[in-house]
Amino acid sequence: MSRADLAAQARTGAPIFAALGDETRLRLVTKLASGEPWSIVRLTEGEVMSRQAITKHLSVLADAGLVRGVRRGRERLWALEPSPLEAARRYLELVSERWDGALARLAAIVEVDDE
């Protein structure tokens, strides 16, 4: 993969990683990973912050494409959007592969110097 492709993937992934970089938002994503939509009432259970604060966190996650809110009657149900997480996973795998390659090249240099 070219540097331009890697840079493009980094630009795409940055909002996802930024949104996931908060403990509260990670807990919300974990709750929503059950696969079923959750109401704000359920999402705030066990949290020490207000519904308004949780809603702001959900808004950040929605802006990053990680969740979506759907109106059902008078309430909004929140659901996880798994495709951005899959894209983030692929990006981390790519970085891991590049890191493994760099370590292998370094090991080869060190081994040659030891001989």
PDB file of N, CA and C in Angstrom:
ATOM      1  N   MET A   1       0.849  -1.173   0.000  1.00  0.00           N
ATOM      2  CA  MET A   1       0.000   0.000   0.000  1.00  0.00           C
ATOM      3  C   MET A   1       0.893   1.234   0.000  1.00  0.00           C
ATOM      4  N   SER A   2       0.527   2.194  -0.803  1.00  0.00           N
ATOM      5  CA  SER A   2       1.336   3.408  -0.921  1.00  0.00           C
ATOM      6  C   SER A   2       1.157   4.303   0.297  1.00  0.00           C
ATOM      7  N   ARG A   3       2.084   5.243   0.441  1.00  0.00           N
ATOM      8  CA  ARG A   3       1.976   6.201   1.549  1.00  0.00           C
ATOM      9  C   ARG A   3       0.717   7.047   1.418  1.00  0.00           C
ATOM     10  N   ALA A   4       0.357   7.385   0.178  1.00  0.00           N
ATOM     11  CA  ALA A   4      -0.860   8.181  -0.040  1.00  0.00           C
ATOM     12  C   ALA A   4      -2.098   7.406   0.415  1.00  0.00           C
ATOM     13  N   ASP A   5      -2.137   6.105   0.108  1.00  0.00           N
ATOM     14  CA  ASP A   5      -3.269   5.274   0.545  1.00  0.00           C
ATOM     15  C   ASP A   5      -3.316   5.181   2.064  1.00  0.00           C
ATOM     16  N   LEU A   6      -2.141   5.014   2.667  1.00  0.00           N
ATOM     17  CA  LEU A   6      -2.081   4.934   4.126  1.00  0.00           C
ATOM     18  C   LEU A   6      -2.526   6.253   4.749  1.00  0.00           C
ATOM     19  N   ALA A   7      -2.096   7.359   4.173  1.00  0.00           N
ATOM     20  CA  ALA A   7      -2.503   8.677   4.686  1.00  0.00           C
ATOM     21  C   ALA A   7      -4.011   8.870   4.548  1.00  0.00           C
ATOM     22  N   ALA A   8      -4.574   8.426   3.435  1.00  0.00           N
ATOM     23  CA  ALA A   8      -6.019   8.551   3.227  1.00  0.00           C
ATOM     24  C   ALA A   8      -6.777   7.721   4.260  1.00  0.00           C
ATOM     25  N   GLN A   9      -6.289   6.523   4.539  1.00  0.00           N
ATOM     26  CA  GLN A   9      -6.939   5.690   5.548  1.00  0.00           C
ATOM     27  C   GLN A   9      -6.822   6.314   6.934  1.00  0.00           C
ATOM     28  N   ALA A  10      -5.695   6.959   7.205  1.00  0.00           N
ATOM     29  CA  ALA A  10      -5.509   7.618   8.499  1.00  0.00           C
ATOM     30  C   ALA A  10      -6.500   8.774   8.650  1.00  0.00           C
ATOM     31  N   ARG A  11      -6.696   9.536   7.570  1.00  0.00           N
ATOM     32  CA  ARG A  11      -7.669  10.650   7.624  1.00  0.00           C
ATOM     33  C   ARG A  11      -9.074  10.126   7.862  1.00  0.00           C
ATOM     34  N   THR A  12      -9.399   9.003   7.249  1.00  0.00           N
ATOM     35  CA  THR A  12     -10.723   8.410   7.428  1.00  0.00           C
ATOM     36  C   THR A  12     -10.881   7.854   8.840  1.00  0.00           C
ATOM     37  N   GLY A  13      -9.834   7.238   9.347  1.00  0.00           N
ATOM     38  CA  GLY A  13      -9.904   6.601  10.659  1.00  0.00           C
ATOM     39  C   GLY A  13      -9.784   7.544  11.832  1.00  0.00           C
ATOM     40  N   ALA A  14      -9.181   8.706  11.626  1.00  0.00           N
ATOM     41  CA  ALA A  14      -8.924   9.617  12.747  1.00  0.00           C
ATOM     42  C   ALA A  14     -10.188   9.985  13.528  1.00  0.00           C
ATOM     43  N   PRO A  15     -11.298  10.349  12.877  1.00  0.00           N
ATOM     44  CA  PRO A  15     -12.507  10.669  13.661  1.00  0.00           C
ATOM     45  C   PRO A  15     -13.031   9.474  14.458  1.00  0.00           C
ATOM     46  N   ILE A  16     -12.857   8.292  13.920  1.00  0.00           N
ATOM     47  CA  ILE A  16     -13.312   7.084  14.620  1.00  0.00           C
ATOM     48  C   ILE A  16     -12.485   6.882  15.886  1.00  0.00           C
ATOM     49  N   PHE A  17     -11.155   6.952  15.737  1.00  0.00           N
ATOM     50  CA  PHE A  17     -10.292   6.754  16.903  1.00  0.00           C
ATOM     51  C   PHE A  17     -10.469   7.877  17.915  1.00  0.00           C
ATOM     52  N   ALA A  18     -10.692   9.102  17.441  1.00  0.00           N
ATOM     53  CA  ALA A  18     -10.925  10.223  18.358  1.00  0.00           C
ATOM     54  C   ALA A  18     -12.205  10.001  19.159  1.00  0.00           C
ATOM     55  N   ALA A  19     -13.250   9.535  18.489  1.00  0.00           N
ATOM     56  CA  ALA A  19     -14.520   9.289  19.178  1.00  0.00           C
ATOM     57  C   ALA A  19     -14.389   8.155  20.194  1.00  0.00           C
ATOM     58  N   LEU A  20     -13.583   7.164  19.867  1.00  0.00           N
ATOM     59  CA  LEU A  20     -13.413   6.026  20.766  1.00  0.00           C
ATOM     60  C   LEU A  20     -12.409   6.307  21.879  1.00  0.00           C
ATOM     61  N   GLY A  21     -11.762   7.461  21.829  1.00  0.00           N
ATOM     62  CA  GLY A  21     -10.733   7.802  22.803  1.00  0.00           C
ATOM     63  C   GLY A  21     -11.268   8.315  24.125  1.00  0.00           C
ATOM     64  N   ASP A  22     -12.523   8.092  24.403  1.00  0.00           N
ATOM     65  CA  ASP A  22     -13.133   8.545  25.643  1.00  0.00           C
ATOM     66  C   ASP A  22     -13.757   7.342  26.345  1.00  0.00           C
ATOM     67  N   GLU A  23     -13.525   7.224  27.637  1.00  0.00           N
ATOM     68  CA  GLU A  23     -14.011   6.076  28.406  1.00  0.00           C
ATOM     69  C   GLU A  23     -15.528   5.932  28.354  1.00  0.00           C
ATOM     70  N   THR A  24     -16.242   7.027  28.480  1.00  0.00           N
ATOM     71  CA  THR A  24     -17.711   6.970  28.442  1.00  0.00           C
ATOM     72  C   THR A  24     -18.191   6.484  27.085  1.00  0.00           C
ATOM     73  N   ARG A  25     -17.599   7.010  26.011  1.00  0.00           N
ATOM     74  CA  ARG A  25     -18.028   6.596  24.667  1.00  0.00           C
ATOM     75  C   ARG A  25     -17.689   5.126  24.416  1.00  0.00           C
ATOM     76  N   LEU A  26     -16.566   4.664  24.938  1.00  0.00           N
ATOM     77  CA  LEU A  26     -16.242   3.239  24.802  1.00  0.00           C
ATOM     78  C   LEU A  26     -17.268   2.371  25.526  1.00  0.00           C
ATOM     79  N   ARG A  27     -17.707   2.806  26.705  1.00  0.00           N
ATOM     80  CA  ARG A  27     -18.744   2.054  27.419  1.00  0.00           C
ATOM     81  C   ARG A  27     -20.045   2.032  26.623  1.00  0.00           C
ATOM     82  N   LEU A  28     -20.388   3.162  26.015  1.00  0.00           N
ATOM     83  CA  LEU A  28     -21.610   3.205  25.214  1.00  0.00           C
ATOM     84  C   LEU A  28     -21.518   2.263  24.015  1.00  0.00           C
ATOM     85  N   VAL A  29     -20.385   2.260  23.346  1.00  0.00           N
ATOM     86  CA  VAL A  29     -20.186   1.356  22.203  1.00  0.00           C
ATOM     87  C   VAL A  29     -20.276  -0.093  22.666  1.00  0.00           C
ATOM     88  N   THR A  30     -19.701  -0.389  23.827  1.00  0.00           N
ATOM     89  CA  THR A  30     -19.764  -1.748  24.364  1.00  0.00           C
ATOM     90  C   THR A  30     -21.212  -2.163  24.629  1.00  0.00           C
ATOM     91  N   LYS A  31     -21.992  -1.263  25.210  1.00  0.00           N
ATOM     92  CA  LYS A  31     -23.409  -1.568  25.449  1.00  0.00           C
ATOM     93  C   LYS A  31     -24.138  -1.813  24.133  1.00  0.00           C
ATOM     94  N   LEU A  32     -23.876  -0.959  23.154  1.00  0.00           N
ATOM     95  CA  LEU A  32     -24.579  -1.077  21.872  1.00  0.00           C
ATOM     96  C   LEU A  32     -24.098  -2.269  21.045  1.00  0.00           C
ATOM     97  N   ALA A  33     -22.940  -2.826  21.396  1.00  0.00           N
ATOM     98  CA  ALA A  33     -22.413  -3.976  20.660  1.00  0.00           C
ATOM     99  C   ALA A  33     -23.253  -5.232  20.874  1.00  0.00           C
ATOM    100  N   SER A  34     -24.222  -5.166  21.759  1.00  0.00           N
ATOM    101  CA  SER A  34     -25.116  -6.312  21.971  1.00  0.00           C
ATOM    102  C   SER A  34     -25.943  -6.610  20.723  1.00  0.00           C
ATOM    103  N   GLY A  35     -26.041  -5.615  19.839  1.00  0.00           N
ATOM    104  CA  GLY A  35     -26.747  -5.822  18.587  1.00  0.00           C
ATOM    105  C   GLY A  35     -28.149  -5.263  18.548  1.00  0.00           C
ATOM    106  N   GLU A  36     -28.689  -4.930  19.690  1.00  0.00           N
ATOM    107  CA  GLU A  36     -30.042  -4.378  19.708  1.00  0.00           C
ATOM    108  C   GLU A  36     -29.992  -2.882  19.989  1.00  0.00           C
ATOM    109  N   PRO A  37     -30.948  -2.123  19.460  1.00  0.00           N
ATOM    110  CA  PRO A  37     -30.993  -0.678  19.758  1.00  0.00           C
ATOM    111  C   PRO A  37     -31.338  -0.436  21.229  1.00  0.00           C
ATOM    112  N   TRP A  38     -30.746   0.624  21.778  1.00  0.00           N
ATOM    113  CA  TRP A  38     -30.962   0.987  23.176  1.00  0.00           C
ATOM    114  C   TRP A  38     -31.544   2.384  23.252  1.00  0.00           C
ATOM    115  N   SER A  39     -32.447   2.599  24.208  1.00  0.00           N
ATOM    116  CA  SER A  39     -32.983   3.938  24.468  1.00  0.00           C
ATOM    117  C   SER A  39     -31.995   4.695  25.345  1.00  0.00           C
ATOM    118  N   ILE A  40     -32.146   6.005  25.405  1.00  0.00           N
ATOM    119  CA  ILE A  40     -31.285   6.824  26.251  1.00  0.00           C
ATOM    120  C   ILE A  40     -31.472   6.444  27.717  1.00  0.00           C
ATOM    121  N   VAL A  41     -32.669   6.019  28.085  1.00  0.00           N
ATOM    122  CA  VAL A  41     -32.926   5.590  29.465  1.00  0.00           C
ATOM    123  C   VAL A  41     -32.051   4.383  29.809  1.00  0.00           C
ATOM    124  N   ARG A  42     -32.036   3.393  28.931  1.00  0.00           N
ATOM    125  CA  ARG A  42     -31.199   2.200  29.171  1.00  0.00           C
ATOM    126  C   ARG A  42     -29.719   2.547  29.144  1.00  0.00           C
ATOM    127  N   LEU A  43     -29.337   3.419  28.226  1.00  0.00           N
ATOM    128  CA  LEU A  43     -27.918   3.771  28.106  1.00  0.00           C
ATOM    129  C   LEU A  43     -27.401   4.531  29.317  1.00  0.00           C
ATOM    130  N   THR A  44     -28.264   5.261  29.997  1.00  0.00           N
ATOM    131  CA  THR A  44     -27.812   6.020  31.167  1.00  0.00           C
ATOM    132  C   THR A  44     -27.835   5.199  32.450  1.00  0.00           C
ATOM    133  N   GLU A  45     -28.424   4.009  32.421  1.00  0.00           N
ATOM    134  CA  GLU A  45     -28.431   3.148  33.616  1.00  0.00           C
ATOM    135  C   GLU A  45     -26.996   2.818  34.000  1.00  0.00           C
ATOM    136  N   GLY A  46     -26.677   3.029  35.278  1.00  0.00           N
ATOM    137  CA  GLY A  46     -25.337   2.725  35.766  1.00  0.00           C
ATOM    138  C   GLY A  46     -24.316   3.812  35.512  1.00  0.00           C
ATOM    139  N   GLU A  47     -24.702   4.855  34.819  1.00  0.00           N
ATOM    140  CA  GLU A  47     -23.792   5.970  34.555  1.00  0.00           C
ATOM    141  C   GLU A  47     -24.002   7.046  35.608  1.00  0.00           C
ATOM    142  N   VAL A  48     -22.954   7.804  35.893  1.00  0.00           N
ATOM    143  CA  VAL A  48     -23.069   8.872  36.888  1.00  0.00           C
ATOM    144  C   VAL A  48     -23.394  10.211  36.241  1.00  0.00           C
ATOM    145  N   MET A  49     -23.460  10.242  34.922  1.00  0.00           N
ATOM    146  CA  MET A  49     -23.740  11.508  34.247  1.00  0.00           C
ATOM    147  C   MET A  49     -25.191  11.575  33.779  1.00  0.00           C
ATOM    148  N   SER A  50     -25.607  12.762  33.441  1.00  0.00           N
ATOM    149  CA  SER A  50     -26.990  13.012  33.044  1.00  0.00           C
ATOM    150  C   SER A  50     -27.296  12.455  31.659  1.00  0.00           C
ATOM    151  N   ARG A  51     -28.578  12.365  31.368  1.00  0.00           N
ATOM    152  CA  ARG A  51     -28.999  11.956  30.019  1.00  0.00           C
ATOM    153  C   ARG A  51     -28.470  12.932  28.970  1.00  0.00           C
ATOM    154  N   GLN A  52     -28.464  14.212  29.324  1.00  0.00           N
ATOM    155  CA  GLN A  52     -27.967  15.226  28.390  1.00  0.00           C
ATOM    156  C   GLN A  52     -26.492  14.989  28.069  1.00  0.00           C
ATOM    157  N   ALA A  53     -25.695  14.647  29.071  1.00  0.00           N
ATOM    158  CA  ALA A  53     -24.271  14.381  28.848  1.00  0.00           C
ATOM    159  C   ALA A  53     -24.086  13.127  27.991  1.00  0.00           C
ATOM    160  N   ILE A  54     -24.867  12.088  28.265  1.00  0.00           N
ATOM    161  CA  ILE A  54     -24.792  10.867  27.464  1.00  0.00           C
ATOM    162  C   ILE A  54     -25.201  11.166  26.029  1.00  0.00           C
ATOM    163  N   THR A  55     -26.218  11.985  25.852  1.00  0.00           N
ATOM    164  CA  THR A  55     -26.662  12.370  24.502  1.00  0.00           C
ATOM    165  C   THR A  55     -25.550  13.088  23.744  1.00  0.00           C
ATOM    166  N   LYS A  56     -24.800  13.928  24.437  1.00  0.00           N
ATOM    167  CA  LYS A  56     -23.672  14.607  23.779  1.00  0.00           C
ATOM    168  C   LYS A  56     -22.615  13.600  23.340  1.00  0.00           C
ATOM    169  N   HIS A  57     -22.342  12.603  24.177  1.00  0.00           N
ATOM    170  CA  HIS A  57     -21.390  11.565  23.797  1.00  0.00           C
ATOM    171  C   HIS A  57     -21.905  10.766  22.600  1.00  0.00           C
ATOM    172  N   LEU A  58     -23.203  10.473  22.595  1.00  0.00           N
ATOM    173  CA  LEU A  58     -23.794   9.761  21.459  1.00  0.00           C
ATOM    174  C   LEU A  58     -23.694  10.595  20.184  1.00  0.00           C
ATOM    175  N   SER A  59     -23.810  11.889  20.314  1.00  0.00           N
ATOM    176  CA  SER A  59     -23.683  12.777  19.163  1.00  0.00           C
ATOM    177  C   SER A  59     -22.276  12.704  18.572  1.00  0.00           C
ATOM    178  N   VAL A  60     -21.268  12.663  19.427  1.00  0.00           N
ATOM    179  CA  VAL A  60     -19.880  12.518  18.946  1.00  0.00           C
ATOM    180  C   VAL A  60     -19.715  11.191  18.208  1.00  0.00           C
ATOM    181  N   LEU A  61     -20.258  10.128  18.789  1.00  0.00           N
ATOM    182  CA  LEU A  61     -20.186   8.818  18.138  1.00  0.00           C
ATOM    183  C   LEU A  61     -20.933   8.815  16.809  1.00  0.00           C
ATOM    184  N   ALA A  62     -22.072   9.488  16.762  1.00  0.00           N
ATOM    185  CA  ALA A  62     -22.846   9.569  15.515  1.00  0.00           C
ATOM    186  C   ALA A  62     -22.094  10.367  14.458  1.00  0.00           C
ATOM    187  N   ASP A  63     -21.454  11.454  14.862  1.00  0.00           N
ATOM    188  CA  ASP A  63     -20.675  12.258  13.909  1.00  0.00           C
ATOM    189  C   ASP A  63     -19.535  11.445  13.299  1.00  0.00           C
ATOM    190  N   ALA A  64     -19.003  10.497  14.062  1.00  0.00           N
ATOM    191  CA  ALA A  64     -17.931   9.628  13.551  1.00  0.00           C
ATOM    192  C   ALA A  64     -18.493   8.438  12.780  1.00  0.00           C
ATOM    193  N   GLY A  65     -19.819   8.330  12.717  1.00  0.00           N
ATOM    194  CA  GLY A  65     -20.452   7.242  11.973  1.00  0.00           C
ATOM    195  C   GLY A  65     -20.546   5.938  12.738  1.00  0.00           C
ATOM    196  N   LEU A  66     -20.259   5.966  14.044  1.00  0.00           N
ATOM    197  CA  LEU A  66     -20.231   4.739  14.835  1.00  0.00           C
ATOM    198  C   LEU A  66     -21.594   4.309  15.357  1.00  0.00           C
ATOM    199  N   VAL A  67     -22.509   5.250  15.519  1.00  0.00           N
ATOM    200  CA  VAL A  67     -23.860   4.929  15.975  1.00  0.00           C
ATOM    201  C   VAL A  67     -24.865   5.719  15.143  1.00  0.00           C
ATOM    202  N   ARG A  68     -26.097   5.264  15.208  1.00  0.00           N
ATOM    203  CA  ARG A  68     -27.177   6.021  14.572  1.00  0.00           C
ATOM    204  C   ARG A  68     -28.375   6.000  15.507  1.00  0.00           C
ATOM    205  N   GLY A  69     -29.076   7.114  15.504  1.00  0.00           N
ATOM    206  CA  GLY A  69     -30.282   7.221  16.308  1.00  0.00           C
ATOM    207  C   GLY A  69     -31.496   7.159  15.417  1.00  0.00           C
ATOM    208  N   VAL A  70     -32.492   6.372  15.836  1.00  0.00           N
ATOM    209  CA  VAL A  70     -33.725   6.202  15.069  1.00  0.00           C
ATOM    210  C   VAL A  70     -34.895   6.512  15.986  1.00  0.00           C
ATOM    211  N   ARG A  71     -35.795   7.359  15.521  1.00  0.00           N
ATOM    212  CA  ARG A  71     -36.993   7.688  16.300  1.00  0.00           C
ATOM    213  C   ARG A  71     -37.960   6.512  16.263  1.00  0.00           C
ATOM    214  N   ARG A  72     -38.445   6.161  17.436  1.00  0.00           N
ATOM    215  CA  ARG A  72     -39.518   5.170  17.542  1.00  0.00           C
ATOM    216  C   ARG A  72     -40.516   5.764  18.520  1.00  0.00           C
ATOM    217  N   GLY A  73     -41.581   6.292  17.981  1.00  0.00           N
ATOM    218  CA  GLY A  73     -42.564   6.980  18.815  1.00  0.00           C
ATOM    219  C   GLY A  73     -41.955   8.239  19.400  1.00  0.00           C
ATOM    220  N   ARG A  74     -42.015   8.363  20.701  1.00  0.00           N
ATOM    221  CA  ARG A  74     -41.492   9.553  21.369  1.00  0.00           C
ATOM    222  C   ARG A  74     -40.031   9.423  21.760  1.00  0.00           C
ATOM    223  N   GLU A  75     -39.463   8.239  21.624  1.00  0.00           N
ATOM    224  CA  GLU A  75     -38.070   8.070  22.039  1.00  0.00           C
ATOM    225  C   GLU A  75     -37.161   7.810  20.845  1.00  0.00           C
ATOM    226  N   ARG A  76     -35.899   8.007  21.084  1.00  0.00           N
ATOM    227  CA  ARG A  76     -34.880   7.727  20.085  1.00  0.00           C
ATOM    228  C   ARG A  76     -34.115   6.494  20.554  1.00  0.00           C
ATOM    229  N   LEU A  77     -33.979   5.537  19.652  1.00  0.00           N
ATOM    230  CA  LEU A  77     -33.202   4.335  19.936  1.00  0.00           C
ATOM    231  C   LEU A  77     -31.860   4.449  19.230  1.00  0.00           C
ATOM    232  N   TRP A  78     -30.820   4.038  19.921  1.00  0.00           N
ATOM    233  CA  TRP A  78     -29.457   4.136  19.395  1.00  0.00           C
ATOM    234  C   TRP A  78     -28.935   2.748  19.063  1.00  0.00           C
ATOM    235  N   ALA A  79     -28.288   2.650  17.896  1.00  0.00           N
ATOM    236  CA  ALA A  79     -27.745   1.371  17.448  1.00  0.00           C
ATOM    237  C   ALA A  79     -26.321   1.575  16.944  1.00  0.00           C
ATOM    238  N   LEU A  80     -25.531   0.537  17.092  1.00  0.00           N
ATOM    239  CA  LEU A  80     -24.150   0.557  16.634  1.00  0.00           C
ATOM    240  C   LEU A  80     -24.088   0.378  15.123  1.00  0.00           C
ATOM    241  N   GLU A  81     -23.204   1.119  14.489  1.00  0.00           N
ATOM    242  CA  GLU A  81     -22.899   0.944  13.063  1.00  0.00           C
ATOM    243  C   GLU A  81     -21.552   0.233  12.989  1.00  0.00           C
ATOM    244  N   PRO A  82     -21.528  -1.048  12.683  1.00  0.00           N
ATOM    245  CA  PRO A  82     -20.272  -1.808  12.772  1.00  0.00           C
ATOM    246  C   PRO A  82     -19.249  -1.520  11.672  1.00  0.00           C
ATOM    247  N   SER A  83     -19.658  -0.996  10.541  1.00  0.00           N
ATOM    248  CA  SER A  83     -18.697  -0.836   9.435  1.00  0.00           C
ATOM    249  C   SER A  83     -17.535   0.099   9.769  1.00  0.00           C
ATOM    250  N   PRO A  84     -17.729   1.219  10.476  1.00  0.00           N
ATOM    251  CA  PRO A  84     -16.560   2.031  10.834  1.00  0.00           C
ATOM    252  C   PRO A  84     -15.596   1.297  11.770  1.00  0.00           C
ATOM    253  N   LEU A  85     -16.124   0.461  12.655  1.00  0.00           N
ATOM    254  CA  LEU A  85     -15.244  -0.321  13.525  1.00  0.00           C
ATOM    255  C   LEU A  85     -14.436  -1.329  12.715  1.00  0.00           C
ATOM    256  N   GLU A  86     -15.059  -1.892  11.711  1.00  0.00           N
ATOM    257  CA  GLU A  86     -14.342  -2.824  10.830  1.00  0.00           C
ATOM    258  C   GLU A  86     -13.244  -2.090  10.075  1.00  0.00           C
ATOM    259  N   ALA A  87     -13.522  -0.895   9.601  1.00  0.00           N
ATOM    260  CA  ALA A  87     -12.496  -0.101   8.907  1.00  0.00           C
ATOM    261  C   ALA A  87     -11.344   0.237   9.850  1.00  0.00           C
ATOM    262  N   ALA A  88     -11.664   0.568  11.097  1.00  0.00           N
ATOM    263  CA  ALA A  88     -10.616   0.865  12.083  1.00  0.00           C
ATOM    264  C   ALA A  88      -9.779  -0.377  12.359  1.00  0.00           C
ATOM    265  N   ARG A  89     -10.430  -1.533  12.451  1.00  0.00           N
ATOM    266  CA  ARG A  89      -9.705  -2.789  12.665  1.00  0.00           C
ATOM    267  C   ARG A  89      -8.751  -3.080  11.511  1.00  0.00           C
ATOM    268  N   ARG A  90      -9.217  -2.873  10.272  1.00  0.00           N
ATOM    269  CA  ARG A  90      -8.356  -3.098   9.105  1.00  0.00           C
ATOM    270  C   ARG A  90      -7.159  -2.147   9.119  1.00  0.00           C
ATOM    271  N   TYR A  91      -7.388  -0.899   9.515  1.00  0.00           N
ATOM    272  CA  TYR A  91      -6.298   0.068   9.585  1.00  0.00           C
ATOM    273  C   TYR A  91      -5.263  -0.361  10.626  1.00  0.00           C
ATOM    274  N   LEU A  92      -5.720  -0.799  11.788  1.00  0.00           N
ATOM    275  CA  LEU A  92      -4.792  -1.261  12.823  1.00  0.00           C
ATOM    276  C   LEU A  92      -4.026  -2.498  12.370  1.00  0.00           C
ATOM    277  N   GLU A  93      -4.671  -3.380  11.629  1.00  0.00           N
ATOM    278  CA  GLU A  93      -3.970  -4.548  11.082  1.00  0.00           C
ATOM    279  C   GLU A  93      -2.878  -4.112  10.107  1.00  0.00           C
ATOM    280  N   LEU A  94      -3.180  -3.126   9.284  1.00  0.00           N
ATOM    281  CA  LEU A  94      -2.198  -2.623   8.330  1.00  0.00           C
ATOM    282  C   LEU A  94      -0.998  -2.016   9.060  1.00  0.00           C
ATOM    283  N   VAL A  95      -1.264  -1.218  10.077  1.00  0.00           N
ATOM    284  CA  VAL A  95      -0.178  -0.629  10.861  1.00  0.00           C
ATOM    285  C   VAL A  95       0.634  -1.727  11.533  1.00  0.00           C
ATOM    286  N   SER A  96      -0.041  -2.739  12.052  1.00  0.00           N
ATOM    287  CA  SER A  96       0.641  -3.856  12.697  1.00  0.00           C
ATOM    288  C   SER A  96       1.552  -4.593  11.705  1.00  0.00           C
ATOM    289  N   GLU A  97       1.056  -4.827  10.492  1.00  0.00           N
ATOM    290  CA  GLU A  97       1.863  -5.492   9.467  1.00  0.00           C
ATOM    291  C   GLU A  97       3.096  -4.662   9.117  1.00  0.00           C
ATOM    292  N   ARG A  98       2.912  -3.361   8.985  1.00  0.00           N
ATOM    293  CA  ARG A  98       4.047  -2.489   8.666  1.00  0.00           C
ATOM    294  C   ARG A  98       5.055  -2.495   9.808  1.00  0.00           C
ATOM    295  N   TRP A  99       4.569  -2.486  11.041  1.00  0.00           N
ATOM    296  CA  TRP A  99       5.442  -2.525  12.210  1.00  0.00           C
ATOM    297  C   TRP A  99       6.220  -3.846  12.243  1.00  0.00           C
ATOM    298  N   ASP A 100       5.524  -4.960  11.980  1.00  0.00           N
ATOM    299  CA  ASP A 100       6.190  -6.264  11.949  1.00  0.00           C
ATOM    300  C   ASP A 100       7.286  -6.280  10.893  1.00  0.00           C
ATOM    301  N   GLY A 101       6.997  -5.675   9.733  1.00  0.00           N
ATOM    302  CA  GLY A 101       8.011  -5.604   8.674  1.00  0.00           C
ATOM    303  C   GLY A 101       9.211  -4.780   9.102  1.00  0.00           C
ATOM    304  N   ALA A 102       8.964  -3.655   9.772  1.00  0.00           N
ATOM    305  CA  ALA A 102      10.069  -2.806  10.235  1.00  0.00           C
ATOM    306  C   ALA A 102      10.914  -3.547  11.267  1.00  0.00           C
ATOM    307  N   LEU A 103      10.270  -4.275  12.170  1.00  0.00           N
ATOM    308  CA  LEU A 103      11.018  -5.044  13.172  1.00  0.00           C
ATOM    309  C   LEU A 103      11.829  -6.162  12.520  1.00  0.00           C
ATOM    310  N   ALA A 104      11.282  -6.804  11.504  1.00  0.00           N
ATOM    311  CA  ALA A 104      12.010  -7.862  10.795  1.00  0.00           C
ATOM    312  C   ALA A 104      13.241  -7.290  10.093  1.00  0.00           C
ATOM    313  N   ARG A 105      13.080  -6.104   9.480  1.00  0.00           N
ATOM    314  CA  ARG A 105      14.243  -5.476   8.826  1.00  0.00           C
ATOM    315  C   ARG A 105      15.305  -5.107   9.853  1.00  0.00           C
ATOM    316  N   LEU A 106      14.897  -4.590  10.994  1.00  0.00           N
ATOM    317  CA  LEU A 106      15.835  -4.241  12.054  1.00  0.00           C
ATOM    318  C   LEU A 106      16.548  -5.485  12.576  1.00  0.00           C
ATOM    319  N   ALA A 107      15.809  -6.562  12.779  1.00  0.00           N
ATOM    320  CA  ALA A 107      16.413  -7.810  13.244  1.00  0.00           C
ATOM    321  C   ALA A 107      17.445  -8.322  12.249  1.00  0.00           C
ATOM    322  N   ALA A 108      17.135  -8.211  10.956  1.00  0.00           N
ATOM    323  CA  ALA A 108      18.082  -8.662   9.934  1.00  0.00           C
ATOM    324  C   ALA A 108      19.368  -7.835   9.986  1.00  0.00           C
ATOM    325  N   ILE A 109      19.260  -6.539  10.213  1.00  0.00           N
ATOM    326  CA  ILE A 109      20.438  -5.675  10.300  1.00  0.00           C
ATOM    327  C   ILE A 109      21.260  -6.019  11.535  1.00  0.00           C
ATOM    328  N   VAL A 110      20.598  -6.207  12.654  1.00  0.00           N
ATOM    329  CA  VAL A 110      21.289  -6.523  13.916  1.00  0.00           C
ATOM    330  C   VAL A 110      21.987  -7.872  13.804  1.00  0.00           C
ATOM    331  N   GLU A 111      21.328  -8.854  13.204  1.00  0.00           N
ATOM    332  CA  GLU A 111      21.928 -10.172  13.044  1.00  0.00           C
ATOM    333  C   GLU A 111      23.160 -10.127  12.159  1.00  0.00           C
ATOM    334  N   VAL A 112      23.134  -9.302  11.106  1.00  0.00           N
ATOM    335  CA  VAL A 112      24.295  -9.160  10.217  1.00  0.00           C
ATOM    336  C   VAL A 112      25.442  -8.508  10.978  1.00  0.00           C
ATOM    337  N   ASP A 113      25.152  -7.509  11.800  1.00  0.00           N
ATOM    338  CA  ASP A 113      26.187  -6.824  12.567  1.00  0.00           C
ATOM    339  C   ASP A 113      26.804  -7.732  13.622  1.00  0.00           C
ATOM    340  N   ASP A 114      26.046  -8.696  14.137  1.00  0.00           N
ATOM    341  CA  ASP A 114      26.558  -9.606  15.159  1.00  0.00           C
ATOM    342  C   ASP A 114      27.520 -10.636  14.592  1.00  0.00           C
ATOM    343  N   GLU A 115      27.468 -10.876  13.306  1.00  0.00           N
ATOM    344  CA  GLU A 115      28.303 -11.926  12.685  1.00  0.00           C
ATOM    345  C   GLU A 115      29.700 -11.483  12.458  1.00  0.00           C
TER     346      GLU A 115
END
